[in-house]
Amino acid sequence: MRLRQFALKHTFIQEHNQEGHSYTVGHNDMSDWTEEEFAAILNYNAVEPTADEIAEIYVGATSTPIDWRTEKNADGITCMIPIQNQGSCGSCWAFSAQLSMSANFCISTLGNLEVWSVQELVDCVTTCHGCNGGNVSYACNYLKTHFEATEH
């Protein structure tokens, strides 16, 4: 069964990457998983924040898209974090907040790439549910007042 699943994903990857999309896909830890196994780890718990709980983040308007995977800020620093793996923890909300806040800080301050701790968000943002889901706005609001929560 695992080899069959891997072969199906491999075929999908090859076909996708030959179609000329703006992004490529590749193998990862889940390349041999069934749809049921993958669905079992999806546990997003949508909680809509109120207007005063939404984090406002503004970098600036641009008329053309910027590929921050290759673009650098004015100080010559790449403002992207390498791909991370949340494992079986439903903490995509924390990873999303970490990436968006880190990149925004790097771009807007023309400073270094500060990487905030995903684990601290999972453990300490009490308005979220740890590995059982959360909300990016709540996590961003937490980071606005806890800048010391970096991984460095």
N, C-alpha and C. Protein backbone atom coordinates (compact mmCIF):
# COMPACT_ATOMS: atom_id res chain seq x y z
N MET A 1 0.82 -1.19 0.00
CA MET A 1 0.00 0.00 0.00
C MET A 1 0.87 1.27 0.00
N ARG A 2 1.92 1.31 0.82
CA ARG A 2 2.77 2.50 0.90
C ARG A 2 3.45 2.79 -0.43
N LEU A 3 3.95 1.76 -1.08
CA LEU A 3 4.62 1.95 -2.37
C LEU A 3 3.63 2.49 -3.40
N ARG A 4 2.41 1.98 -3.39
CA ARG A 4 1.39 2.45 -4.33
C ARG A 4 1.08 3.93 -4.07
N GLN A 5 0.91 4.32 -2.80
CA GLN A 5 0.64 5.71 -2.47
C GLN A 5 1.79 6.61 -2.92
N PHE A 6 3.03 6.14 -2.67
CA PHE A 6 4.19 6.92 -3.07
C PHE A 6 4.22 7.09 -4.58
N ALA A 7 3.93 6.02 -5.31
CA ALA A 7 3.94 6.08 -6.77
C ALA A 7 2.89 7.05 -7.28
N LEU A 8 1.71 7.06 -6.68
CA LEU A 8 0.66 8.00 -7.08
C LEU A 8 1.10 9.44 -6.85
N LYS A 9 1.69 9.71 -5.69
CA LYS A 9 2.17 11.07 -5.39
C LYS A 9 3.32 11.45 -6.32
N HIS A 10 4.18 10.50 -6.61
CA HIS A 10 5.32 10.77 -7.50
C HIS A 10 4.82 11.17 -8.88
N THR A 11 3.82 10.45 -9.39
CA THR A 11 3.23 10.77 -10.69
C THR A 11 2.62 12.17 -10.66
N PHE A 12 1.87 12.47 -9.59
CA PHE A 12 1.28 13.81 -9.45
C PHE A 12 2.37 14.88 -9.48
N ILE A 13 3.44 14.68 -8.72
CA ILE A 13 4.53 15.65 -8.63
C ILE A 13 5.16 15.88 -10.00
N GLN A 14 5.46 14.80 -10.70
CA GLN A 14 6.08 14.94 -12.03
C GLN A 14 5.17 15.69 -12.99
N GLU A 15 3.89 15.32 -13.02
CA GLU A 15 2.95 15.98 -13.94
C GLU A 15 2.79 17.46 -13.58
N HIS A 16 2.64 17.74 -12.30
CA HIS A 16 2.47 19.13 -11.87
C HIS A 16 3.68 19.97 -12.27
N ASN A 17 4.86 19.49 -12.00
CA ASN A 17 6.07 20.26 -12.25
C ASN A 17 6.34 20.46 -13.74
N GLN A 18 5.76 19.62 -14.59
CA GLN A 18 5.93 19.77 -16.04
C GLN A 18 4.89 20.71 -16.66
N GLU A 19 3.90 21.11 -15.89
CA GLU A 19 2.80 21.93 -16.41
C GLU A 19 3.09 23.42 -16.40
N GLY A 20 4.23 23.83 -15.91
CA GLY A 20 4.61 25.24 -15.96
C GLY A 20 3.95 26.14 -14.94
N HIS A 21 3.60 25.61 -13.78
CA HIS A 21 3.02 26.43 -12.72
C HIS A 21 4.08 27.40 -12.18
N SER A 22 3.64 28.36 -11.40
CA SER A 22 4.58 29.33 -10.82
C SER A 22 5.31 28.75 -9.61
N TYR A 23 5.00 27.53 -9.23
CA TYR A 23 5.65 26.87 -8.10
C TYR A 23 5.82 25.38 -8.44
N THR A 24 6.72 24.75 -7.75
CA THR A 24 6.93 23.31 -7.93
C THR A 24 6.55 22.59 -6.64
N VAL A 25 6.29 21.32 -6.75
CA VAL A 25 6.00 20.50 -5.59
C VAL A 25 7.01 19.37 -5.54
N GLY A 26 7.15 18.76 -4.37
CA GLY A 26 8.12 17.68 -4.21
C GLY A 26 7.70 16.73 -3.11
N HIS A 27 8.53 15.76 -2.88
CA HIS A 27 8.24 14.75 -1.86
C HIS A 27 8.52 15.29 -0.46
N ASN A 28 7.77 14.78 0.51
CA ASN A 28 8.00 15.09 1.91
C ASN A 28 7.61 13.88 2.76
N ASP A 29 7.48 14.08 4.06
CA ASP A 29 7.18 12.97 4.97
C ASP A 29 5.84 12.31 4.67
N MET A 30 4.97 12.99 3.96
CA MET A 30 3.62 12.47 3.71
C MET A 30 3.44 11.90 2.31
N SER A 31 4.52 11.69 1.60
CA SER A 31 4.42 11.22 0.22
C SER A 31 3.79 9.84 0.09
N ASP A 32 3.83 9.06 1.14
CA ASP A 32 3.22 7.73 1.05
C ASP A 32 1.94 7.61 1.89
N TRP A 33 1.38 8.73 2.31
CA TRP A 33 0.16 8.71 3.11
C TRP A 33 -1.07 8.58 2.23
N THR A 34 -2.10 7.95 2.76
CA THR A 34 -3.39 7.90 2.08
C THR A 34 -4.12 9.21 2.35
N GLU A 35 -5.17 9.46 1.59
CA GLU A 35 -5.99 10.66 1.83
C GLU A 35 -6.60 10.62 3.23
N GLU A 36 -6.97 9.43 3.70
CA GLU A 36 -7.56 9.29 5.03
C GLU A 36 -6.55 9.65 6.12
N GLU A 37 -5.30 9.20 5.96
CA GLU A 37 -4.26 9.52 6.95
C GLU A 37 -4.00 11.03 6.98
N PHE A 38 -3.96 11.64 5.82
CA PHE A 38 -3.73 13.08 5.76
C PHE A 38 -4.90 13.83 6.37
N ALA A 39 -6.12 13.44 6.04
CA ALA A 39 -7.31 14.11 6.56
C ALA A 39 -7.40 13.99 8.08
N ALA A 40 -6.86 12.91 8.64
CA ALA A 40 -6.94 12.69 10.08
C ALA A 40 -6.15 13.72 10.88
N ILE A 41 -5.15 14.35 10.27
CA ILE A 41 -4.36 15.35 11.00
C ILE A 41 -4.87 16.76 10.79
N LEU A 42 -5.82 16.94 9.89
CA LEU A 42 -6.38 18.27 9.65
C LEU A 42 -7.44 18.55 10.70
N ASN A 43 -7.16 19.50 11.55
CA ASN A 43 -8.12 19.80 12.61
C ASN A 43 -8.25 21.29 12.83
N TYR A 44 -8.30 22.04 11.76
CA TYR A 44 -8.42 23.49 11.85
C TYR A 44 -9.72 23.85 12.57
N ASN A 45 -9.59 24.68 13.56
CA ASN A 45 -10.73 25.12 14.35
C ASN A 45 -10.94 26.61 14.09
N ALA A 46 -11.80 26.92 13.14
CA ALA A 46 -12.00 28.31 12.75
C ALA A 46 -12.69 29.09 13.86
N VAL A 47 -12.01 30.09 14.37
CA VAL A 47 -12.56 30.98 15.38
C VAL A 47 -12.39 32.39 14.83
N GLU A 48 -13.50 33.05 14.60
CA GLU A 48 -13.44 34.39 14.03
C GLU A 48 -13.17 35.41 15.13
N PRO A 49 -12.09 36.18 15.01
CA PRO A 49 -11.82 37.20 16.02
C PRO A 49 -12.75 38.41 15.83
N THR A 50 -12.91 39.16 16.89
CA THR A 50 -13.67 40.40 16.78
C THR A 50 -12.78 41.45 16.14
N ALA A 51 -13.36 42.56 15.71
CA ALA A 51 -12.60 43.59 15.00
C ALA A 51 -11.43 44.12 15.81
N ASP A 52 -11.58 44.26 17.13
CA ASP A 52 -10.49 44.80 17.94
C ASP A 52 -9.41 43.77 18.23
N GLU A 53 -9.64 42.50 17.88
CA GLU A 53 -8.64 41.46 18.09
C GLU A 53 -7.79 41.19 16.85
N ILE A 54 -8.15 41.78 15.73
CA ILE A 54 -7.44 41.52 14.48
C ILE A 54 -6.15 42.33 14.46
N ALA A 55 -5.05 41.64 14.21
CA ALA A 55 -3.75 42.31 14.14
C ALA A 55 -3.66 43.07 12.82
N GLU A 56 -3.27 44.31 12.91
CA GLU A 56 -3.08 45.10 11.71
C GLU A 56 -1.62 45.12 11.36
N ILE A 57 -1.32 44.63 10.16
CA ILE A 57 0.06 44.56 9.69
C ILE A 57 0.10 45.24 8.33
N TYR A 58 0.96 46.23 8.17
CA TYR A 58 1.03 46.94 6.91
C TYR A 58 2.49 47.14 6.55
N VAL A 59 2.88 46.65 5.40
CA VAL A 59 4.25 46.82 4.93
C VAL A 59 4.31 47.95 3.93
N GLY A 60 3.32 48.07 3.10
CA GLY A 60 3.28 49.10 2.06
C GLY A 60 2.71 48.51 0.79
N ALA A 61 2.11 49.35 0.00
CA ALA A 61 1.47 48.89 -1.23
C ALA A 61 2.49 48.81 -2.35
N THR A 62 2.27 47.87 -3.24
CA THR A 62 3.11 47.74 -4.42
C THR A 62 2.22 47.33 -5.58
N SER A 63 2.54 47.79 -6.74
CA SER A 63 1.71 47.46 -7.90
C SER A 63 2.15 46.17 -8.57
N THR A 64 3.32 45.70 -8.24
CA THR A 64 3.80 44.45 -8.83
C THR A 64 4.12 43.46 -7.72
N PRO A 65 3.86 42.18 -7.98
CA PRO A 65 4.16 41.18 -6.94
C PRO A 65 5.66 41.07 -6.70
N ILE A 66 6.00 40.71 -5.48
CA ILE A 66 7.40 40.52 -5.11
C ILE A 66 7.57 39.08 -4.63
N ASP A 67 8.55 38.40 -5.17
CA ASP A 67 8.84 37.03 -4.74
C ASP A 67 9.88 37.10 -3.62
N TRP A 68 9.41 37.05 -2.38
CA TRP A 68 10.31 37.22 -1.24
C TRP A 68 11.19 36.00 -1.00
N ARG A 69 10.98 34.93 -1.77
CA ARG A 69 11.90 33.79 -1.65
C ARG A 69 13.27 34.16 -2.20
N THR A 70 13.30 35.08 -3.16
CA THR A 70 14.56 35.48 -3.78
C THR A 70 14.91 36.94 -3.53
N GLU A 71 13.91 37.78 -3.32
CA GLU A 71 14.13 39.21 -3.09
C GLU A 71 14.72 39.44 -1.70
N LYS A 72 15.55 40.45 -1.57
CA LYS A 72 16.14 40.80 -0.28
C LYS A 72 15.64 42.18 0.14
N ASN A 73 15.70 42.46 1.45
CA ASN A 73 15.32 43.80 1.90
C ASN A 73 16.44 44.78 1.56
N ALA A 74 16.28 46.05 1.92
CA ALA A 74 17.25 47.09 1.55
C ALA A 74 18.63 46.85 2.15
N ASP A 75 18.70 46.06 3.24
CA ASP A 75 19.99 45.74 3.85
C ASP A 75 20.62 44.48 3.27
N GLY A 76 19.98 43.89 2.23
CA GLY A 76 20.52 42.70 1.59
C GLY A 76 20.23 41.40 2.32
N ILE A 77 19.20 41.41 3.15
CA ILE A 77 18.86 40.23 3.95
C ILE A 77 17.64 39.54 3.35
N THR A 78 17.70 38.22 3.22
CA THR A 78 16.54 37.46 2.78
C THR A 78 15.56 37.36 3.95
N CYS A 79 14.31 37.68 3.70
CA CYS A 79 13.32 37.76 4.77
C CYS A 79 12.37 36.57 4.79
N MET A 80 12.85 35.42 4.41
CA MET A 80 12.01 34.21 4.42
C MET A 80 12.63 33.16 5.33
N ILE A 81 11.76 32.43 6.02
CA ILE A 81 12.16 31.33 6.89
C ILE A 81 12.11 30.04 6.07
N PRO A 82 13.08 29.15 6.25
CA PRO A 82 13.01 27.87 5.53
C PRO A 82 11.74 27.10 5.88
N ILE A 83 11.33 26.21 5.00
CA ILE A 83 10.14 25.40 5.22
C ILE A 83 10.26 24.65 6.54
N GLN A 84 9.16 24.62 7.29
CA GLN A 84 9.13 23.94 8.57
C GLN A 84 8.05 22.86 8.55
N ASN A 85 8.11 21.94 9.48
CA ASN A 85 7.17 20.83 9.54
C ASN A 85 6.50 20.83 10.91
N GLN A 86 5.20 21.02 10.94
CA GLN A 86 4.48 21.03 12.22
C GLN A 86 4.21 19.64 12.75
N GLY A 87 4.57 18.61 12.00
CA GLY A 87 4.35 17.24 12.46
C GLY A 87 2.87 16.96 12.65
N SER A 88 2.52 16.26 13.70
CA SER A 88 1.13 15.90 13.93
C SER A 88 0.38 16.94 14.75
N CYS A 89 1.04 18.03 15.10
CA CYS A 89 0.41 19.10 15.88
C CYS A 89 -0.37 20.03 14.94
N GLY A 90 -1.61 20.32 15.26
CA GLY A 90 -2.43 21.20 14.44
C GLY A 90 -2.13 22.66 14.71
N SER A 91 -0.89 23.05 14.46
CA SER A 91 -0.44 24.41 14.81
C SER A 91 -0.11 25.25 13.59
N CYS A 92 -0.78 25.00 12.47
CA CYS A 92 -0.51 25.79 11.27
C CYS A 92 -0.72 27.28 11.53
N TRP A 93 -1.66 27.60 12.41
CA TRP A 93 -1.93 28.99 12.78
C TRP A 93 -0.69 29.65 13.38
N ALA A 94 0.06 28.89 14.19
CA ALA A 94 1.26 29.44 14.83
C ALA A 94 2.38 29.61 13.81
N PHE A 95 2.53 28.64 12.90
CA PHE A 95 3.56 28.75 11.87
C PHE A 95 3.25 29.92 10.94
N SER A 96 1.98 30.09 10.59
CA SER A 96 1.58 31.19 9.72
C SER A 96 1.86 32.53 10.37
N ALA A 97 1.53 32.66 11.64
CA ALA A 97 1.79 33.91 12.37
C ALA A 97 3.29 34.17 12.46
N GLN A 98 4.04 33.13 12.77
CA GLN A 98 5.49 33.27 12.88
C GLN A 98 6.10 33.77 11.57
N LEU A 99 5.72 33.15 10.48
CA LEU A 99 6.28 33.52 9.19
C LEU A 99 5.87 34.93 8.79
N SER A 100 4.59 35.25 8.91
CA SER A 100 4.14 36.57 8.48
C SER A 100 4.73 37.69 9.34
N MET A 101 4.79 37.50 10.65
CA MET A 101 5.34 38.53 11.53
C MET A 101 6.85 38.66 11.33
N SER A 102 7.56 37.54 11.20
CA SER A 102 9.01 37.58 11.00
C SER A 102 9.36 38.28 9.69
N ALA A 103 8.68 37.90 8.61
CA ALA A 103 8.96 38.51 7.31
C ALA A 103 8.59 39.99 7.33
N ASN A 104 7.45 40.34 7.90
CA ASN A 104 7.03 41.74 7.97
C ASN A 104 8.03 42.57 8.75
N PHE A 105 8.50 42.07 9.87
CA PHE A 105 9.48 42.78 10.68
C PHE A 105 10.76 43.00 9.89
N CYS A 106 11.22 41.96 9.21
CA CYS A 106 12.46 42.04 8.43
C CYS A 106 12.33 43.06 7.30
N ILE A 107 11.21 43.02 6.60
CA ILE A 107 11.00 43.92 5.46
C ILE A 107 10.80 45.35 5.93
N SER A 108 9.96 45.56 6.91
CA SER A 108 9.59 46.92 7.29
C SER A 108 10.64 47.64 8.13
N THR A 109 11.43 46.91 8.90
CA THR A 109 12.45 47.57 9.71
C THR A 109 13.80 47.58 9.03
N LEU A 110 13.89 46.91 7.90
CA LEU A 110 15.16 46.76 7.20
C LEU A 110 16.22 46.18 8.14
N GLY A 111 15.75 45.28 8.97
CA GLY A 111 16.65 44.68 9.94
C GLY A 111 16.86 43.21 9.66
N ASN A 112 17.30 42.54 10.68
CA ASN A 112 17.55 41.10 10.57
C ASN A 112 16.24 40.33 10.56
N LEU A 113 16.33 39.09 10.15
CA LEU A 113 15.18 38.20 10.18
C LEU A 113 15.07 37.62 11.59
N GLU A 114 14.13 38.13 12.36
CA GLU A 114 13.87 37.61 13.69
C GLU A 114 12.87 36.46 13.56
N VAL A 115 13.19 35.32 14.11
CA VAL A 115 12.31 34.16 14.01
C VAL A 115 11.68 33.93 15.37
N TRP A 116 10.37 34.20 15.46
CA TRP A 116 9.67 34.01 16.72
C TRP A 116 9.40 32.53 16.96
N SER A 117 9.28 32.16 18.20
CA SER A 117 9.12 30.77 18.60
C SER A 117 7.70 30.27 18.37
N VAL A 118 7.56 29.28 17.48
CA VAL A 118 6.27 28.65 17.25
C VAL A 118 5.81 27.95 18.52
N GLN A 119 6.75 27.30 19.21
CA GLN A 119 6.38 26.57 20.43
C GLN A 119 5.81 27.50 21.48
N GLU A 120 6.36 28.70 21.59
CA GLU A 120 5.81 29.65 22.56
C GLU A 120 4.38 30.04 22.18
N LEU A 121 4.14 30.21 20.90
CA LEU A 121 2.77 30.53 20.48
C LEU A 121 1.82 29.39 20.83
N VAL A 122 2.22 28.17 20.54
CA VAL A 122 1.38 27.00 20.82
C VAL A 122 1.10 26.91 22.32
N ASP A 123 2.12 27.16 23.14
CA ASP A 123 1.99 27.01 24.59
C ASP A 123 1.34 28.21 25.29
N CYS A 124 1.57 29.42 24.77
CA CYS A 124 1.24 30.62 25.55
C CYS A 124 0.09 31.46 25.03
N VAL A 125 -0.34 31.28 23.82
CA VAL A 125 -1.48 32.08 23.32
C VAL A 125 -2.75 31.41 23.84
N THR A 126 -3.21 31.92 24.95
CA THR A 126 -4.32 31.27 25.67
C THR A 126 -5.66 31.39 24.95
N THR A 127 -5.75 32.29 23.96
CA THR A 127 -6.98 32.41 23.19
C THR A 127 -7.05 31.39 22.06
N CYS A 128 -6.00 30.58 21.92
CA CYS A 128 -5.96 29.52 20.92
C CYS A 128 -5.93 28.16 21.63
N HIS A 129 -5.91 27.10 20.85
CA HIS A 129 -6.05 25.75 21.42
C HIS A 129 -4.82 24.88 21.19
N GLY A 130 -3.64 25.47 21.18
CA GLY A 130 -2.41 24.70 21.03
C GLY A 130 -2.39 23.88 19.76
N CYS A 131 -2.16 22.57 19.91
CA CYS A 131 -2.11 21.67 18.76
C CYS A 131 -3.49 21.34 18.21
N ASN A 132 -4.52 21.87 18.82
CA ASN A 132 -5.88 21.60 18.35
C ASN A 132 -6.47 22.77 17.58
N GLY A 133 -5.64 23.67 17.12
CA GLY A 133 -6.10 24.77 16.28
C GLY A 133 -5.99 26.11 16.97
N GLY A 134 -6.03 27.15 16.17
CA GLY A 134 -5.94 28.49 16.69
C GLY A 134 -6.21 29.50 15.61
N ASN A 135 -5.88 30.74 15.87
CA ASN A 135 -6.18 31.82 14.96
C ASN A 135 -4.94 32.69 14.77
N VAL A 136 -4.60 32.95 13.52
CA VAL A 136 -3.41 33.72 13.20
C VAL A 136 -3.46 35.12 13.82
N SER A 137 -4.61 35.77 13.79
CA SER A 137 -4.71 37.12 14.36
C SER A 137 -4.42 37.13 15.85
N TYR A 138 -4.91 36.13 16.57
CA TYR A 138 -4.62 36.06 18.00
C TYR A 138 -3.11 35.90 18.23
N ALA A 139 -2.49 35.04 17.43
CA ALA A 139 -1.05 34.82 17.58
C ALA A 139 -0.25 36.08 17.24
N CYS A 140 -0.65 36.79 16.19
CA CYS A 140 0.04 38.03 15.82
C CYS A 140 -0.11 39.08 16.92
N ASN A 141 -1.29 39.16 17.50
CA ASN A 141 -1.48 40.10 18.60
C ASN A 141 -0.58 39.75 19.78
N TYR A 142 -0.42 38.48 20.06
CA TYR A 142 0.48 38.04 21.14
C TYR A 142 1.91 38.48 20.82
N LEU A 143 2.35 38.27 19.58
CA LEU A 143 3.72 38.62 19.21
C LEU A 143 3.97 40.12 19.27
N LYS A 144 2.94 40.93 19.05
CA LYS A 144 3.11 42.38 19.11
C LYS A 144 3.55 42.84 20.50
N THR A 145 3.24 42.06 21.53
CA THR A 145 3.61 42.45 22.89
C THR A 145 4.64 41.51 23.52
N HIS A 146 5.12 40.55 22.77
CA HIS A 146 6.11 39.58 23.28
C HIS A 146 7.26 39.42 22.29
N PHE A 147 7.95 40.51 21.99
CA PHE A 147 9.03 40.47 21.01
C PHE A 147 10.21 39.62 21.48
N GLU A 148 10.28 39.32 22.76
CA GLU A 148 11.41 38.54 23.27
C GLU A 148 11.29 37.06 22.94
N ALA A 149 10.19 36.66 22.33
CA ALA A 149 9.90 35.25 22.07
C ALA A 149 10.57 34.72 20.82
N THR A 150 11.83 35.09 20.59
CA THR A 150 12.51 34.63 19.39
C THR A 150 13.22 33.31 19.65
N GLU A 151 13.55 32.63 18.55
CA GLU A 151 14.24 31.34 18.65
C GLU A 151 15.75 31.49 18.72
N HIS A 152 16.26 32.71 18.55
CA HIS A 152 17.72 32.92 18.57
C HIS A 152 18.20 33.25 19.96
